[in-house]
Amino acid sequence: MKKIDAIIRKSKYRAVKEALHGVGVNFFSYWDVTGIGNEKEGHVYRGISYSTSDIQRRYLSIVVNDDFADPTVKAIISSAGTGEVGDGKIFVSDVLESYRIRTGEKGGDTLK
């Protein structure tokens, strides 16, 4: 199993969610987060531009069986990308085990 953590633009969340559903990923968690990166967002108030280093993003946490990892990553990249600085990051790590609390079942079948 793989855990895929993705940090994306909030404006791209709907497109990413639809792309994930399109490849069969129907369960994941997400949070609204603030981070600091290479992109510098600016705000304009009364014609004056103010720069801030705090950037609003959406953090997705997805656990999939090994054979779903590549399609999941490709779905995120294709739907979240704009080609501009600040599109986000994806991190993939191994998951040793998973359990379904209701039944005590363990292993990859708990993700279905």
Protein backbone atom coordinates (compact mmCIF):
# COMPACT_ATOMS: atom_id res chain seq x y z
CA MET A 1 0.00 0.00 0.00
CA LYS A 2 1.06 3.59 -0.63
CA LYS A 3 0.20 6.83 1.09
CA ILE A 4 0.00 9.78 -1.26
CA ASP A 5 0.10 13.24 0.30
CA ALA A 6 -0.61 16.09 -2.10
CA ILE A 7 -0.53 19.82 -1.48
CA ILE A 8 -2.50 21.62 -4.19
CA ARG A 9 -4.02 25.00 -4.99
CA LYS A 10 -7.44 25.37 -3.36
CA SER A 11 -8.81 26.51 -6.71
CA LYS A 12 -7.89 23.14 -8.25
CA TYR A 13 -9.55 20.97 -5.58
CA ARG A 14 -12.76 20.25 -7.53
CA ALA A 15 -10.83 19.20 -10.66
CA VAL A 16 -8.52 16.96 -8.60
CA LYS A 17 -11.46 15.36 -6.77
CA GLU A 18 -13.18 14.58 -10.08
CA ALA A 19 -9.94 13.17 -11.55
CA LEU A 20 -9.44 10.95 -8.49
CA HIS A 21 -13.00 9.63 -8.75
CA GLY A 22 -12.31 9.02 -12.45
CA VAL A 23 -9.46 6.60 -11.65
CA GLY A 24 -11.37 4.84 -8.87
CA VAL A 25 -10.10 6.67 -5.78
CA ASN A 26 -13.30 7.30 -3.86
CA PHE A 27 -12.01 7.87 -0.34
CA PHE A 28 -9.45 10.38 0.92
CA SER A 29 -9.07 13.03 3.59
CA TYR A 30 -8.25 16.70 3.11
CA TRP A 31 -7.44 19.78 5.13
CA ASP A 32 -7.11 23.47 4.41
CA VAL A 33 -3.55 24.44 5.23
CA THR A 34 -1.27 27.46 5.10
CA GLY A 35 2.33 27.17 4.02
CA ILE A 36 5.36 29.04 2.82
CA GLY A 37 6.78 28.28 -0.60
CA ASN A 38 8.42 29.78 -3.66
CA GLU A 39 5.23 31.47 -4.81
CA LYS A 40 4.51 34.89 -3.42
CA GLU A 41 0.84 35.81 -3.41
CA GLY A 42 -0.07 39.44 -3.41
CA HIS A 43 -3.21 41.20 -2.28
CA VAL A 44 -4.43 44.51 -3.63
CA TYR A 45 -6.26 46.85 -1.32
CA ARG A 46 -7.30 50.28 -2.59
CA GLY A 47 -4.84 50.05 -5.46
CA ILE A 48 -1.86 49.14 -3.27
CA SER A 49 -0.31 45.68 -3.63
CA TYR A 50 0.59 43.89 -0.42
CA SER A 51 2.79 40.81 -0.52
CA THR A 52 2.40 37.91 1.89
CA SER A 53 4.44 34.75 2.28
CA ASP A 54 1.55 32.73 3.75
CA ILE A 55 -0.10 30.73 0.96
CA GLN A 56 -3.48 28.98 1.28
CA ARG A 57 -3.49 25.39 -0.01
CA ARG A 58 -5.44 22.14 0.32
CA TYR A 59 -3.67 19.05 1.71
CA LEU A 60 -4.93 15.65 0.53
CA SER A 61 -4.06 12.36 2.20
CA ILE A 62 -4.81 9.25 0.15
CA VAL A 63 -4.00 5.59 0.87
CA VAL A 64 -4.22 3.21 -2.10
CA ASN A 65 -3.12 -0.29 -3.02
CA ASP A 66 0.21 -0.41 -4.87
CA ASP A 67 -1.39 -0.81 -8.30
CA PHE A 68 -3.40 2.42 -7.82
CA ALA A 69 -0.40 4.59 -6.88
CA ASP A 70 0.71 5.59 -10.39
CA PRO A 71 -2.81 6.33 -11.73
CA THR A 72 -3.52 8.36 -8.59
CA VAL A 73 -0.37 10.47 -8.94
CA LYS A 74 -0.99 10.99 -12.68
CA ALA A 75 -4.58 12.07 -11.99
CA ILE A 76 -3.40 14.66 -9.46
CA ILE A 77 -0.64 16.01 -11.73
CA SER A 78 -2.90 16.28 -14.77
CA SER A 79 -5.75 17.99 -12.91
CA ALA A 80 -3.84 20.21 -10.46
CA GLY A 81 -1.18 21.62 -12.76
CA THR A 82 -1.24 25.12 -14.20
CA GLY A 83 2.40 25.28 -15.24
CA GLU A 84 3.03 28.13 -12.80
CA VAL A 85 5.10 28.29 -9.63
CA GLY A 86 2.97 27.18 -6.68
CA ASP A 87 1.13 24.24 -8.24
CA GLY A 88 2.09 22.12 -5.23
CA LYS A 89 3.87 18.90 -4.29
CA ILE A 90 3.12 15.18 -4.08
CA PHE A 91 4.80 12.81 -1.62
CA VAL A 92 4.51 9.02 -1.84
CA SER A 93 5.43 6.73 1.05
CA ASP A 94 4.91 3.08 1.98
CA VAL A 95 2.11 2.00 4.32
CA LEU A 96 2.96 -1.11 6.31
CA GLU A 97 -0.55 -2.12 7.34
CA SER A 98 -4.13 -0.92 7.52
CA TYR A 99 -7.03 -2.06 9.67
CA ARG A 100 -10.79 -1.69 9.39
CA ILE A 101 -11.92 -0.73 12.87
CA ARG A 102 -15.47 -2.08 12.51
CA THR A 103 -14.42 -5.68 11.69
CA GLY A 104 -10.79 -5.88 12.76
CA GLU A 105 -9.91 -6.92 9.19
CA LYS A 106 -6.43 -5.96 8.02
CA GLY A 107 -4.57 -5.57 4.75
CA GLY A 108 -5.27 -4.06 1.35
CA ASP A 109 -8.92 -5.18 1.31
CA THR A 110 -9.66 -2.59 4.01
CA LEU A 111 -9.28 0.11 1.35
CA LYS A 112 -12.31 -1.13 -0.62
